[in-house]
Amino acid sequence: MDTILLITILVVIFALVFDFINGFHDTANAIATSVSTRALKPRTAVYMAAVMNFVGAITFVGVAKALTKDIVDPFSLNAYDGDITGSVVILAALLSAITWNLLTWYFGIPSSSSHTLIGSVAGAAIAAAGFDILNYAGFIKILQALIFSPLLAFAAGFLMMTLLKVIFKDMNLYRTNKGFRTMQIGTAALQSFTHGTNDAQKAMGIITLALIAGGLHQGDDIPFWVRFAAATAMGLGTSVGGYKIIKTVGGKIMKIRPVNGVAADLASASIIFGATLIHLPVSTTHVISSSIMGVGTAHRVKGVKWGMARKIVTTWVITMPISAVMAALIYYILSLFF
């Protein structure tokens, strides 16, 4: 089999594995609050999230197109005259991102699949061709989205919780909680849909990047089979569930009541879907965790477990550089064999 074709097939396989892992790694993002308040049983919540993730993933492609061209120029990685450098770069990036996702899932840490994938692509590309390979305008735009979206989510969570406290201040607590628990079914479904519109597209973009680098595709349009395969992998991964991370997001940041869950879901879903509409990849993990912190701060500052919040923030900060270094090392190892 032709080497370029072999590596491209491996990239497609590992991209779908990454999407599958992303599904169960980030399942907690969409359903943790509804599970922690017992609005939904864990298994029901996971299956609902799987369906809504699939629907969201198959519906939009803007983020996938951005990832195809905004980190590195795919045509500068094209396989002219049998050059396989670009394909090896993408394979190294995927192996790095999968490794980091599995490590953080094992320890129950809600790290960012977006950060690790983007950091890995950049690190492997730099290892192959130096810093000039980066598309700095697009890369900086993505970094800005990743940095500012959690801050916006924190503010949105704070404002949403404050608004709900004002609106329902005279309501009977038991009846209000019961109503919000029912409402959480809808907000969890919305959260899962928006998660699919943004997160699943990252694998679509990487597969398309690999097809271009392998000389097997022209332009930045996303083939339908790529969309369907990535959406299916995300949905199947979500159906497996990520219960370790559900425990962290759903209870170790703050004690979540139904009204808190609704506020956090609405705040984070609005930020994620807004980013999808302007074709920017964001970390759903960061956005949702930050919205929960914002909700907790509005409810009672001391109610937020800031020690756990610091651990999550630390993981946010180190994920991209560690992933970049890992991807560079994996690239050097793969280049010995290809």
C-alpha atoms as a PDB file:
ATOM      1  CA  MET A   1       0.000   0.000   0.000  1.00  0.00           C
ATOM      2  CA  ASP A   2       1.193   3.536  -0.796  1.00  0.00           C
ATOM      3  CA  THR A   3       2.770   5.118   2.331  1.00  0.00           C
ATOM      4  CA  ILE A   4       0.786   8.347   2.057  1.00  0.00           C
ATOM      5  CA  LEU A   5      -2.484   6.421   1.753  1.00  0.00           C
ATOM      6  CA  LEU A   6      -1.531   4.197   4.714  1.00  0.00           C
ATOM      7  CA  ILE A   7      -0.794   7.187   6.952  1.00  0.00           C
ATOM      8  CA  THR A   8      -3.982   8.953   5.841  1.00  0.00           C
ATOM      9  CA  ILE A   9      -6.021   5.861   6.756  1.00  0.00           C
ATOM     10  CA  LEU A  10      -4.286   5.774  10.157  1.00  0.00           C
ATOM     11  CA  VAL A  11      -5.092   9.472  10.639  1.00  0.00           C
ATOM     12  CA  VAL A  12      -8.773   8.883   9.863  1.00  0.00           C
ATOM     13  CA  ILE A  13      -8.886   5.952  12.301  1.00  0.00           C
ATOM     14  CA  PHE A  14      -7.142   7.832  15.103  1.00  0.00           C
ATOM     15  CA  ALA A  15      -9.204  10.981  14.466  1.00  0.00           C
ATOM     16  CA  LEU A  16     -12.367   8.932  14.986  1.00  0.00           C
ATOM     17  CA  VAL A  17     -10.800   7.335  18.077  1.00  0.00           C
ATOM     18  CA  PHE A  18     -10.071  10.858  19.341  1.00  0.00           C
ATOM     19  CA  ASP A  19     -13.692  11.842  18.689  1.00  0.00           C
ATOM     20  CA  PHE A  20     -14.932   8.720  20.473  1.00  0.00           C
ATOM     21  CA  ILE A  21     -12.717   9.498  23.487  1.00  0.00           C
ATOM     22  CA  ASN A  22     -13.783  13.142  23.314  1.00  0.00           C
ATOM     23  CA  GLY A  23     -17.370  11.901  23.551  1.00  0.00           C
ATOM     24  CA  PHE A  24     -16.962  10.008  26.814  1.00  0.00           C
ATOM     25  CA  HIS A  25     -14.307  12.414  28.120  1.00  0.00           C
ATOM     26  CA  ASP A  26     -16.583  15.419  27.675  1.00  0.00           C
ATOM     27  CA  THR A  27     -19.952  13.767  28.353  1.00  0.00           C
ATOM     28  CA  ALA A  28     -19.762  15.268  31.826  1.00  0.00           C
ATOM     29  CA  ASN A  29     -19.768  18.747  30.332  1.00  0.00           C
ATOM     30  CA  ALA A  30     -23.305  18.410  29.100  1.00  0.00           C
ATOM     31  CA  ILE A  31     -24.979  16.288  31.744  1.00  0.00           C
ATOM     32  CA  ALA A  32     -23.062  16.663  35.019  1.00  0.00           C
ATOM     33  CA  THR A  33     -25.395  19.252  36.512  1.00  0.00           C
ATOM     34  CA  SER A  34     -28.578  17.354  35.586  1.00  0.00           C
ATOM     35  CA  VAL A  35     -27.167  14.105  37.004  1.00  0.00           C
ATOM     36  CA  SER A  36     -25.914  15.722  40.216  1.00  0.00           C
ATOM     37  CA  THR A  37     -29.358  17.215  40.955  1.00  0.00           C
ATOM     38  CA  ARG A  38     -31.094  13.937  40.003  1.00  0.00           C
ATOM     39  CA  ALA A  39     -33.055  15.614  37.247  1.00  0.00           C
ATOM     40  CA  LEU A  40     -31.934  12.714  35.063  1.00  0.00           C
ATOM     41  CA  LYS A  41     -30.646   9.250  35.838  1.00  0.00           C
ATOM     42  CA  PRO A  42     -27.032   8.843  34.675  1.00  0.00           C
ATOM     43  CA  ARG A  43     -27.790   6.296  31.963  1.00  0.00           C
ATOM     44  CA  THR A  44     -30.755   8.286  30.614  1.00  0.00           C
ATOM     45  CA  ALA A  45     -28.684  11.479  30.615  1.00  0.00           C
ATOM     46  CA  VAL A  46     -25.813   9.775  28.774  1.00  0.00           C
ATOM     47  CA  TYR A  47     -28.055   8.367  26.032  1.00  0.00           C
ATOM     48  CA  MET A  48     -29.847  11.674  25.567  1.00  0.00           C
ATOM     49  CA  ALA A  49     -26.478  13.441  25.344  1.00  0.00           C
ATOM     50  CA  ALA A  50     -25.312  10.913  22.739  1.00  0.00           C
ATOM     51  CA  VAL A  51     -28.298  11.608  20.472  1.00  0.00           C
ATOM     52  CA  MET A  52     -28.073  15.398  20.844  1.00  0.00           C
ATOM     53  CA  ASN A  53     -24.310  15.351  20.338  1.00  0.00           C
ATOM     54  CA  PHE A  54     -24.813  13.502  17.052  1.00  0.00           C
ATOM     55  CA  VAL A  55     -27.492  15.952  15.882  1.00  0.00           C
ATOM     56  CA  GLY A  56     -25.332  18.955  16.775  1.00  0.00           C
ATOM     57  CA  ALA A  57     -22.253  17.461  15.135  1.00  0.00           C
ATOM     58  CA  ILE A  58     -23.933  16.684  11.828  1.00  0.00           C
ATOM     59  CA  THR A  59     -25.588  20.118  11.575  1.00  0.00           C
ATOM     60  CA  PHE A  60     -22.641  22.555  11.449  1.00  0.00           C
ATOM     61  CA  VAL A  61     -19.233  22.652   9.709  1.00  0.00           C
ATOM     62  CA  GLY A  62     -17.871  26.170  10.297  1.00  0.00           C
ATOM     63  CA  VAL A  63     -15.571  25.195  13.172  1.00  0.00           C
ATOM     64  CA  ALA A  64     -14.220  22.245  11.166  1.00  0.00           C
ATOM     65  CA  LYS A  65     -13.317  24.576   8.282  1.00  0.00           C
ATOM     66  CA  ALA A  66     -11.562  26.946  10.682  1.00  0.00           C
ATOM     67  CA  LEU A  67      -9.441  24.133  12.113  1.00  0.00           C
ATOM     68  CA  THR A  68      -8.592  22.947   8.605  1.00  0.00           C
ATOM     69  CA  LYS A  69      -6.802  26.183   7.755  1.00  0.00           C
ATOM     70  CA  ASP A  70      -6.315  28.401  10.832  1.00  0.00           C
ATOM     71  CA  ILE A  71      -3.543  26.531  12.703  1.00  0.00           C
ATOM     72  CA  VAL A  72      -1.336  25.635   9.761  1.00  0.00           C
ATOM     73  CA  ASP A  73      -1.810  26.099   6.026  1.00  0.00           C
ATOM     74  CA  PRO A  74      -2.909  22.644   4.829  1.00  0.00           C
ATOM     75  CA  PHE A  75      -1.542  23.255   1.369  1.00  0.00           C
ATOM     76  CA  SER A  76       1.939  23.871   2.801  1.00  0.00           C
ATOM     77  CA  LEU A  77       1.710  20.309   4.171  1.00  0.00           C
ATOM     78  CA  ASN A  78       0.591  18.832   0.850  1.00  0.00           C
ATOM     79  CA  ALA A  79       2.254  15.623  -0.268  1.00  0.00           C
ATOM     80  CA  TYR A  80       4.119  16.860  -3.335  1.00  0.00           C
ATOM     81  CA  ASP A  81       6.425  14.282  -4.933  1.00  0.00           C
ATOM     82  CA  GLY A  82       5.666  11.711  -2.292  1.00  0.00           C
ATOM     83  CA  ASP A  83       6.454  13.973   0.681  1.00  0.00           C
ATOM     84  CA  ILE A  84       4.655  12.512   3.710  1.00  0.00           C
ATOM     85  CA  THR A  85       5.692  15.122   6.289  1.00  0.00           C
ATOM     86  CA  GLY A  86       2.234  16.688   6.594  1.00  0.00           C
ATOM     87  CA  SER A  87       0.522  13.355   7.114  1.00  0.00           C
ATOM     88  CA  VAL A  88       3.027  12.337   9.800  1.00  0.00           C
ATOM     89  CA  VAL A  89       2.508  15.706  11.536  1.00  0.00           C
ATOM     90  CA  ILE A  90      -1.230  15.115  11.803  1.00  0.00           C
ATOM     91  CA  LEU A  91      -0.806  11.508  12.959  1.00  0.00           C
ATOM     92  CA  ALA A  92       1.632  12.646  15.682  1.00  0.00           C
ATOM     93  CA  ALA A  93      -0.808  15.352  16.799  1.00  0.00           C
ATOM     94  CA  LEU A  94      -3.656  12.861  17.131  1.00  0.00           C
ATOM     95  CA  LEU A  95      -1.573  10.353  19.102  1.00  0.00           C
ATOM     96  CA  SER A  96      -0.520  13.129  21.477  1.00  0.00           C
ATOM     97  CA  ALA A  97      -4.083  14.404  21.956  1.00  0.00           C
ATOM     98  CA  ILE A  98      -5.450  10.895  22.546  1.00  0.00           C
ATOM     99  CA  THR A  99      -2.731  10.185  25.134  1.00  0.00           C
ATOM    100  CA  TRP A 100      -3.465  13.367  27.083  1.00  0.00           C
ATOM    101  CA  ASN A 101      -7.229  12.819  26.982  1.00  0.00           C
ATOM    102  CA  LEU A 102      -6.875   9.286  28.324  1.00  0.00           C
ATOM    103  CA  LEU A 103      -4.528  10.403  31.114  1.00  0.00           C
ATOM    104  CA  THR A 104      -6.830  13.184  32.287  1.00  0.00           C
ATOM    105  CA  TRP A 105      -9.904  10.953  31.984  1.00  0.00           C
ATOM    106  CA  TYR A 106      -8.205   8.273  34.107  1.00  0.00           C
ATOM    107  CA  PHE A 107      -7.554  10.783  36.884  1.00  0.00           C
ATOM    108  CA  GLY A 108     -11.005  12.373  36.547  1.00  0.00           C
ATOM    109  CA  ILE A 109      -9.650  15.786  35.515  1.00  0.00           C
ATOM    110  CA  PRO A 110     -11.925  17.821  33.197  1.00  0.00           C
ATOM    111  CA  SER A 111      -9.191  18.986  30.827  1.00  0.00           C
ATOM    112  CA  SER A 112      -9.773  20.470  27.398  1.00  0.00           C
ATOM    113  CA  SER A 113      -9.851  18.244  24.320  1.00  0.00           C
ATOM    114  CA  SER A 114      -9.661  21.440  22.256  1.00  0.00           C
ATOM    115  CA  HIS A 115      -6.508  22.640  23.984  1.00  0.00           C
ATOM    116  CA  THR A 116      -4.746  19.319  23.629  1.00  0.00           C
ATOM    117  CA  LEU A 117      -5.661  18.911  19.941  1.00  0.00           C
ATOM    118  CA  ILE A 118      -4.704  22.455  18.953  1.00  0.00           C
ATOM    119  CA  GLY A 119      -1.509  22.366  21.018  1.00  0.00           C
ATOM    120  CA  SER A 120      -0.617  18.995  19.512  1.00  0.00           C
ATOM    121  CA  VAL A 121      -1.123  20.142  15.907  1.00  0.00           C
ATOM    122  CA  ALA A 122       1.024  23.220  16.540  1.00  0.00           C
ATOM    123  CA  GLY A 123       3.762  21.251  18.325  1.00  0.00           C
ATOM    124  CA  ALA A 124       4.033  18.545  15.656  1.00  0.00           C
ATOM    125  CA  ALA A 125       4.001  21.120  12.832  1.00  0.00           C
ATOM    126  CA  ILE A 126       6.732  23.189  14.498  1.00  0.00           C
ATOM    127  CA  ALA A 127       8.842  20.047  15.012  1.00  0.00           C
ATOM    128  CA  ALA A 128       8.526  19.270  11.306  1.00  0.00           C
ATOM    129  CA  ALA A 129       8.983  22.680   9.713  1.00  0.00           C
ATOM    130  CA  GLY A 130       9.800  25.308  12.343  1.00  0.00           C
ATOM    131  CA  PHE A 131       7.720  28.168  13.693  1.00  0.00           C
ATOM    132  CA  ASP A 132       7.121  29.685  10.261  1.00  0.00           C
ATOM    133  CA  ILE A 133       4.698  26.855   9.453  1.00  0.00           C
ATOM    134  CA  LEU A 134       2.066  28.307  11.803  1.00  0.00           C
ATOM    135  CA  ASN A 135      -0.716  30.452  10.415  1.00  0.00           C
ATOM    136  CA  TYR A 136      -0.272  33.098  13.104  1.00  0.00           C
ATOM    137  CA  ALA A 137      -3.370  35.148  12.309  1.00  0.00           C
ATOM    138  CA  GLY A 138      -5.637  32.111  12.561  1.00  0.00           C
ATOM    139  CA  PHE A 139      -3.728  30.538  15.456  1.00  0.00           C
ATOM    140  CA  ILE A 140      -3.907  33.724  17.548  1.00  0.00           C
ATOM    141  CA  LYS A 141      -7.641  34.026  16.779  1.00  0.00           C
ATOM    142  CA  ILE A 142      -8.172  30.478  18.085  1.00  0.00           C
ATOM    143  CA  LEU A 143      -6.047  31.169  21.183  1.00  0.00           C
ATOM    144  CA  GLN A 144      -8.072  34.291  21.919  1.00  0.00           C
ATOM    145  CA  ALA A 145     -11.295  32.295  21.679  1.00  0.00           C
ATOM    146  CA  LEU A 146      -9.910  29.636  24.021  1.00  0.00           C
ATOM    147  CA  ILE A 147      -8.720  32.236  26.545  1.00  0.00           C
ATOM    148  CA  PHE A 148     -11.702  34.606  26.560  1.00  0.00           C
ATOM    149  CA  SER A 149     -14.559  32.088  26.303  1.00  0.00           C
ATOM    150  CA  PRO A 150     -14.134  30.798  29.914  1.00  0.00           C
ATOM    151  CA  LEU A 151     -14.073  34.395  31.183  1.00  0.00           C
ATOM    152  CA  LEU A 152     -17.258  35.161  29.276  1.00  0.00           C
ATOM    153  CA  ALA A 153     -18.801  31.934  30.589  1.00  0.00           C
ATOM    154  CA  PHE A 154     -17.935  32.873  34.191  1.00  0.00           C
ATOM    155  CA  ALA A 155     -19.576  36.271  33.705  1.00  0.00           C
ATOM    156  CA  ALA A 156     -22.593  34.727  31.953  1.00  0.00           C
ATOM    157  CA  GLY A 157     -23.038  32.193  34.759  1.00  0.00           C
ATOM    158  CA  PHE A 158     -22.820  34.927  37.381  1.00  0.00           C
ATOM    159  CA  LEU A 159     -25.359  37.116  35.564  1.00  0.00           C
ATOM    160  CA  MET A 160     -27.742  34.235  34.814  1.00  0.00           C
ATOM    161  CA  MET A 161     -27.768  33.096  38.455  1.00  0.00           C
ATOM    162  CA  THR A 162     -28.212  36.657  39.689  1.00  0.00           C
ATOM    163  CA  LEU A 163     -31.147  37.136  37.320  1.00  0.00           C
ATOM    164  CA  LEU A 164     -32.830  33.899  38.423  1.00  0.00           C
ATOM    165  CA  LYS A 165     -32.376  34.833  42.096  1.00  0.00           C
ATOM    166  CA  VAL A 166     -34.152  38.141  41.475  1.00  0.00           C
ATOM    167  CA  ILE A 167     -36.983  36.606  39.435  1.00  0.00           C
ATOM    168  CA  PHE A 168     -37.700  33.724  41.822  1.00  0.00           C
ATOM    169  CA  LYS A 169     -36.851  35.326  45.167  1.00  0.00           C
ATOM    170  CA  ASP A 170     -40.442  35.076  46.427  1.00  0.00           C
ATOM    171  CA  MET A 171     -41.135  31.550  45.169  1.00  0.00           C
ATOM    172  CA  ASN A 172     -41.502  28.490  47.386  1.00  0.00           C
ATOM    173  CA  LEU A 173     -38.058  26.821  47.390  1.00  0.00           C
ATOM    174  CA  TYR A 174     -39.362  23.251  47.049  1.00  0.00           C
ATOM    175  CA  ARG A 175     -41.695  24.075  44.158  1.00  0.00           C
ATOM    176  CA  THR A 176     -39.023  26.168  42.448  1.00  0.00           C
ATOM    177  CA  ASN A 177     -36.461  23.370  42.723  1.00  0.00           C
ATOM    178  CA  LYS A 178     -38.964  20.862  41.369  1.00  0.00           C
ATOM    179  CA  GLY A 179     -39.712  23.088  38.398  1.00  0.00           C
ATOM    180  CA  PHE A 180     -36.054  23.733  37.684  1.00  0.00           C
ATOM    181  CA  ARG A 181     -35.293  20.023  37.951  1.00  0.00           C
ATOM    182  CA  THR A 182     -37.801  19.436  35.144  1.00  0.00           C
ATOM    183  CA  MET A 183     -36.349  22.342  33.177  1.00  0.00           C
ATOM    184  CA  GLN A 184     -32.902  20.775  33.469  1.00  0.00           C
ATOM    185  CA  ILE A 185     -33.932  17.994  31.106  1.00  0.00           C
ATOM    186  CA  GLY A 186     -34.323  20.606  28.369  1.00  0.00           C
ATOM    187  CA  THR A 187     -31.185  22.559  29.271  1.00  0.00           C
ATOM    188  CA  ALA A 188     -29.107  19.348  29.372  1.00  0.00           C
ATOM    189  CA  ALA A 189     -30.368  18.464  25.876  1.00  0.00           C
ATOM    190  CA  LEU A 190     -29.496  21.988  24.682  1.00  0.00           C
ATOM    191  CA  GLN A 191     -26.072  21.712  26.286  1.00  0.00           C
ATOM    192  CA  SER A 192     -25.430  18.385  24.530  1.00  0.00           C
ATOM    193  CA  PHE A 193     -26.526  19.818  21.178  1.00  0.00           C
ATOM    194  CA  THR A 194     -24.189  22.811  21.442  1.00  0.00           C
ATOM    195  CA  HIS A 195     -21.361  20.524  22.565  1.00  0.00           C
ATOM    196  CA  GLY A 196     -21.792  18.544  19.349  1.00  0.00           C
ATOM    197  CA  THR A 197     -21.869  21.683  17.196  1.00  0.00           C
ATOM    198  CA  ASN A 198     -18.391  22.647  18.388  1.00  0.00           C
ATOM    199  CA  ASP A 199     -16.419  19.684  19.717  1.00  0.00           C
ATOM    200  CA  ALA A 200     -17.170  17.019  17.085  1.00  0.00           C
ATOM    201  CA  GLN A 201     -16.105  19.380  14.312  1.00  0.00           C
ATOM    202  CA  LYS A 202     -12.512  19.349  15.541  1.00  0.00           C
ATOM    203  CA  ALA A 203     -12.034  15.773  14.347  1.00  0.00           C
ATOM    204  CA  MET A 204     -13.772  16.660  11.061  1.00  0.00           C
ATOM    205  CA  GLY A 205     -11.272  19.469  10.530  1.00  0.00           C
ATOM    206  CA  ILE A 206      -8.294  17.221  11.322  1.00  0.00           C
ATOM    207  CA  ILE A 207      -9.458  14.488   8.927  1.00  0.00           C
ATOM    208  CA  THR A 208      -9.970  17.061   6.158  1.00  0.00           C
ATOM    209  CA  LEU A 209      -6.522  18.521   6.913  1.00  0.00           C
ATOM    210  CA  ALA A 210      -5.046  15.019   6.539  1.00  0.00           C
ATOM    211  CA  LEU A 211      -6.869  14.452   3.239  1.00  0.00           C
ATOM    212  CA  ILE A 212      -5.474  17.734   1.894  1.00  0.00           C
ATOM    213  CA  ALA A 213      -1.971  16.988   3.190  1.00  0.00           C
ATOM    214  CA  GLY A 214      -2.149  13.578   1.522  1.00  0.00           C
ATOM    215  CA  GLY A 215      -3.198  15.093  -1.786  1.00  0.00           C
ATOM    216  CA  LEU A 216      -6.582  13.354  -1.583  1.00  0.00           C
ATOM    217  CA  HIS A 217      -8.842  16.393  -1.262  1.00  0.00           C
ATOM    218  CA  GLN A 218      -8.986  19.936  -2.614  1.00  0.00           C
ATOM    219  CA  GLY A 219     -10.514  22.982  -0.926  1.00  0.00           C
ATOM    220  CA  ASP A 220     -11.635  23.337   2.677  1.00  0.00           C
ATOM    221  CA  ASP A 221     -15.165  21.903   2.313  1.00  0.00           C
ATOM    222  CA  ILE A 222     -15.882  19.000   4.669  1.00  0.00           C
ATOM    223  CA  PRO A 223     -16.913  15.778   2.858  1.00  0.00           C
ATOM    224  CA  PHE A 224     -20.239  14.374   4.066  1.00  0.00           C
ATOM    225  CA  TRP A 225     -18.712  11.004   4.975  1.00  0.00           C
ATOM    226  CA  VAL A 226     -16.274  12.828   7.273  1.00  0.00           C
ATOM    227  CA  ARG A 227     -19.139  14.702   8.948  1.00  0.00           C
ATOM    228  CA  PHE A 228     -21.178  11.539   9.419  1.00  0.00           C
ATOM    229  CA  ALA A 229     -18.258   9.452  10.681  1.00  0.00           C
ATOM    230  CA  ALA A 230     -17.129  12.089  13.199  1.00  0.00           C
ATOM    231  CA  ALA A 231     -20.670  12.710  14.449  1.00  0.00           C
ATOM    232  CA  THR A 232     -21.208   8.962  14.870  1.00  0.00           C
ATOM    233  CA  ALA A 233     -17.917   8.515  16.750  1.00  0.00           C
ATOM    234  CA  MET A 234     -18.780  11.407  19.066  1.00  0.00           C
ATOM    235  CA  GLY A 235     -22.264  10.022  19.705  1.00  0.00           C
ATOM    236  CA  LEU A 236     -20.980   6.510  20.406  1.00  0.00           C
ATOM    237  CA  GLY A 237     -18.296   7.851  22.721  1.00  0.00           C
ATOM    238  CA  THR A 238     -20.873   9.901  24.573  1.00  0.00           C
ATOM    239  CA  SER A 239     -23.034   6.813  25.039  1.00  0.00           C
ATOM    240  CA  VAL A 240     -20.189   5.171  26.966  1.00  0.00           C
ATOM    241  CA  GLY A 241     -20.158   8.024  29.475  1.00  0.00           C
ATOM    242  CA  GLY A 242     -17.386   9.541  31.552  1.00  0.00           C
ATOM    243  CA  TYR A 243     -18.546   9.054  35.125  1.00  0.00           C
ATOM    244  CA  LYS A 244     -15.268  10.053  36.814  1.00  0.00           C
ATOM    245  CA  ILE A 245     -15.433  13.501  35.246  1.00  0.00           C
ATOM    246  CA  ILE A 246     -19.180  13.758  35.914  1.00  0.00           C
ATOM    247  CA  LYS A 247     -18.363  13.502  39.619  1.00  0.00           C
ATOM    248  CA  THR A 248     -15.778  16.290  39.362  1.00  0.00           C
ATOM    249  CA  VAL A 249     -17.841  18.734  37.306  1.00  0.00           C
ATOM    250  CA  GLY A 250     -21.149  17.866  38.973  1.00  0.00           C
ATOM    251  CA  GLY A 251     -20.129  18.029  42.604  1.00  0.00           C
ATOM    252  CA  LYS A 252     -16.530  18.874  43.334  1.00  0.00           C
ATOM    253  CA  ILE A 253     -16.692  22.484  42.108  1.00  0.00           C
ATOM    254  CA  MET A 254     -19.777  23.377  44.161  1.00  0.00           C
ATOM    255  CA  LYS A 255     -22.937  21.772  45.519  1.00  0.00           C
ATOM    256  CA  ILE A 256     -25.340  22.121  42.612  1.00  0.00           C
ATOM    257  CA  ARG A 257     -29.071  22.649  43.070  1.00  0.00           C
ATOM    258  CA  PRO A 258     -31.549  22.550  40.153  1.00  0.00           C
ATOM    259  CA  VAL A 259     -31.645  26.334  39.769  1.00  0.00           C
ATOM    260  CA  ASN A 260     -27.813  26.396  39.667  1.00  0.00           C
ATOM    261  CA  GLY A 261     -27.817  23.686  37.020  1.00  0.00           C
ATOM    262  CA  VAL A 262     -30.261  25.553  34.789  1.00  0.00           C
ATOM    263  CA  ALA A 263     -28.271  28.786  35.128  1.00  0.00           C
ATOM    264  CA  ALA A 264     -24.972  27.048  34.323  1.00  0.00           C
ATOM    265  CA  ASP A 265     -26.430  25.132  31.361  1.00  0.00           C
ATOM    266  CA  LEU A 266     -28.039  28.198  29.785  1.00  0.00           C
ATOM    267  CA  ALA A 267     -24.938  30.361  30.296  1.00  0.00           C
ATOM    268  CA  SER A 268     -22.470  27.843  28.877  1.00  0.00           C
ATOM    269  CA  ALA A 269     -24.729  26.751  25.990  1.00  0.00           C
ATOM    270  CA  SER A 270     -25.075  30.378  24.873  1.00  0.00           C
ATOM    271  CA  ILE A 271     -21.291  30.880  24.845  1.00  0.00           C
ATOM    272  CA  ILE A 272     -20.568  27.606  23.021  1.00  0.00           C
ATOM    273  CA  PHE A 273     -23.277  28.097  20.395  1.00  0.00           C
ATOM    274  CA  GLY A 274     -22.235  31.716  19.898  1.00  0.00           C
ATOM    275  CA  ALA A 275     -18.694  30.525  19.182  1.00  0.00           C
ATOM    276  CA  THR A 276     -20.007  27.902  16.756  1.00  0.00           C
ATOM    277  CA  LEU A 277     -21.958  30.543  14.820  1.00  0.00           C
ATOM    278  CA  ILE A 278     -18.793  32.634  14.313  1.00  0.00           C
ATOM    279  CA  HIS A 279     -16.747  29.503  13.459  1.00  0.00           C
ATOM    280  CA  LEU A 280     -14.484  29.543  16.507  1.00  0.00           C
ATOM    281  CA  PRO A 281     -13.451  26.381  18.371  1.00  0.00           C
ATOM    282  CA  VAL A 282     -13.747  26.749  22.139  1.00  0.00           C
ATOM    283  CA  SER A 283     -13.159  24.398  25.014  1.00  0.00           C
ATOM    284  CA  THR A 284     -16.547  23.134  26.122  1.00  0.00           C
ATOM    285  CA  THR A 285     -14.869  21.821  29.283  1.00  0.00           C
ATOM    286  CA  HIS A 286     -13.533  25.253  30.179  1.00  0.00           C
ATOM    287  CA  VAL A 287     -16.741  27.032  29.301  1.00  0.00           C
ATOM    288  CA  ILE A 288     -18.983  24.750  31.348  1.00  0.00           C
ATOM    289  CA  SER A 289     -16.679  24.563  34.374  1.00  0.00           C
ATOM    290  CA  SER A 290     -16.320  28.358  34.316  1.00  0.00           C
ATOM    291  CA  SER A 291     -20.065  28.911  34.092  1.00  0.00           C
ATOM    292  CA  ILE A 292     -20.526  26.662  37.150  1.00  0.00           C
ATOM    293  CA  MET A 293     -17.929  28.739  39.015  1.00  0.00           C
ATOM    294  CA  GLY A 294     -19.734  31.930  37.979  1.00  0.00           C
ATOM    295  CA  VAL A 295     -23.061  30.518  39.154  1.00  0.00           C
ATOM    296  CA  GLY A 296     -21.474  29.460  42.438  1.00  0.00           C
ATOM    297  CA  THR A 297     -19.953  32.896  42.970  1.00  0.00           C
ATOM    298  CA  ALA A 298     -23.338  34.566  42.418  1.00  0.00           C
ATOM    299  CA  HIS A 299     -25.003  32.093  44.778  1.00  0.00           C
ATOM    300  CA  ARG A 300     -22.395  32.143  47.542  1.00  0.00           C
ATOM    301  CA  VAL A 301     -18.682  32.762  47.031  1.00  0.00           C
ATOM    302  CA  LYS A 302     -17.704  30.419  49.854  1.00  0.00           C
ATOM    303  CA  GLY A 303     -19.850  27.700  48.312  1.00  0.00           C
ATOM    304  CA  VAL A 304     -17.355  27.274  45.456  1.00  0.00           C
ATOM    305  CA  LYS A 305     -14.632  24.754  46.221  1.00  0.00           C
ATOM    306  CA  TRP A 306     -11.797  26.958  45.037  1.00  0.00           C
ATOM    307  CA  GLY A 307      -9.151  24.297  45.696  1.00  0.00           C
ATOM    308  CA  MET A 308     -10.701  22.067  43.035  1.00  0.00           C
ATOM    309  CA  ALA A 309     -11.227  25.110  40.813  1.00  0.00           C
ATOM    310  CA  ARG A 310      -7.493  25.893  41.045  1.00  0.00           C
ATOM    311  CA  LYS A 311      -6.624  22.326  40.008  1.00  0.00           C
ATOM    312  CA  ILE A 312      -8.921  22.625  36.994  1.00  0.00           C
ATOM    313  CA  VAL A 313      -7.448  26.004  36.016  1.00  0.00           C
ATOM    314  CA  THR A 314      -3.913  24.610  36.390  1.00  0.00           C
ATOM    315  CA  THR A 315      -4.828  21.799  33.994  1.00  0.00           C
ATOM    316  CA  TRP A 316      -6.193  24.372  31.556  1.00  0.00           C
ATOM    317  CA  VAL A 317      -2.893  26.269  31.615  1.00  0.00           C
ATOM    318  CA  ILE A 318      -0.561  23.287  31.190  1.00  0.00           C
ATOM    319  CA  THR A 319      -2.551  21.253  28.647  1.00  0.00           C
ATOM    320  CA  MET A 320      -1.529  23.110  25.500  1.00  0.00           C
ATOM    321  CA  PRO A 321       2.252  23.360  26.132  1.00  0.00           C
ATOM    322  CA  ILE A 322       2.497  19.765  27.386  1.00  0.00           C
ATOM    323  CA  SER A 323       0.525  18.544  24.374  1.00  0.00           C
ATOM    324  CA  ALA A 324       2.764  20.528  22.013  1.00  0.00           C
ATOM    325  CA  VAL A 325       5.918  18.977  23.502  1.00  0.00           C
ATOM    326  CA  MET A 326       4.387  15.470  23.452  1.00  0.00           C
ATOM    327  CA  ALA A 327       3.355  15.869  19.810  1.00  0.00           C
ATOM    328  CA  ALA A 328       6.836  17.080  18.832  1.00  0.00           C
ATOM    329  CA  LEU A 329       8.435  14.053  20.500  1.00  0.00           C
ATOM    330  CA  ILE A 330       5.948  11.668  18.871  1.00  0.00           C
ATOM    331  CA  TYR A 331       6.639  13.314  15.494  1.00  0.00           C
ATOM    332  CA  TYR A 332      10.372  12.734  15.889  1.00  0.00           C
ATOM    333  CA  ILE A 333       9.723   9.075  16.767  1.00  0.00           C
ATOM    334  CA  LEU A 334       7.340   8.533  13.837  1.00  0.00           C
ATOM    335  CA  SER A 335       9.760  10.211  11.428  1.00  0.00           C
ATOM    336  CA  LEU A 336      12.217   7.389  12.181  1.00  0.00           C
ATOM    337  CA  PHE A 337       9.759   4.892  10.708  1.00  0.00           C
ATOM    338  CA  PHE A 338       8.159   6.860   7.845  1.00  0.00           C
END
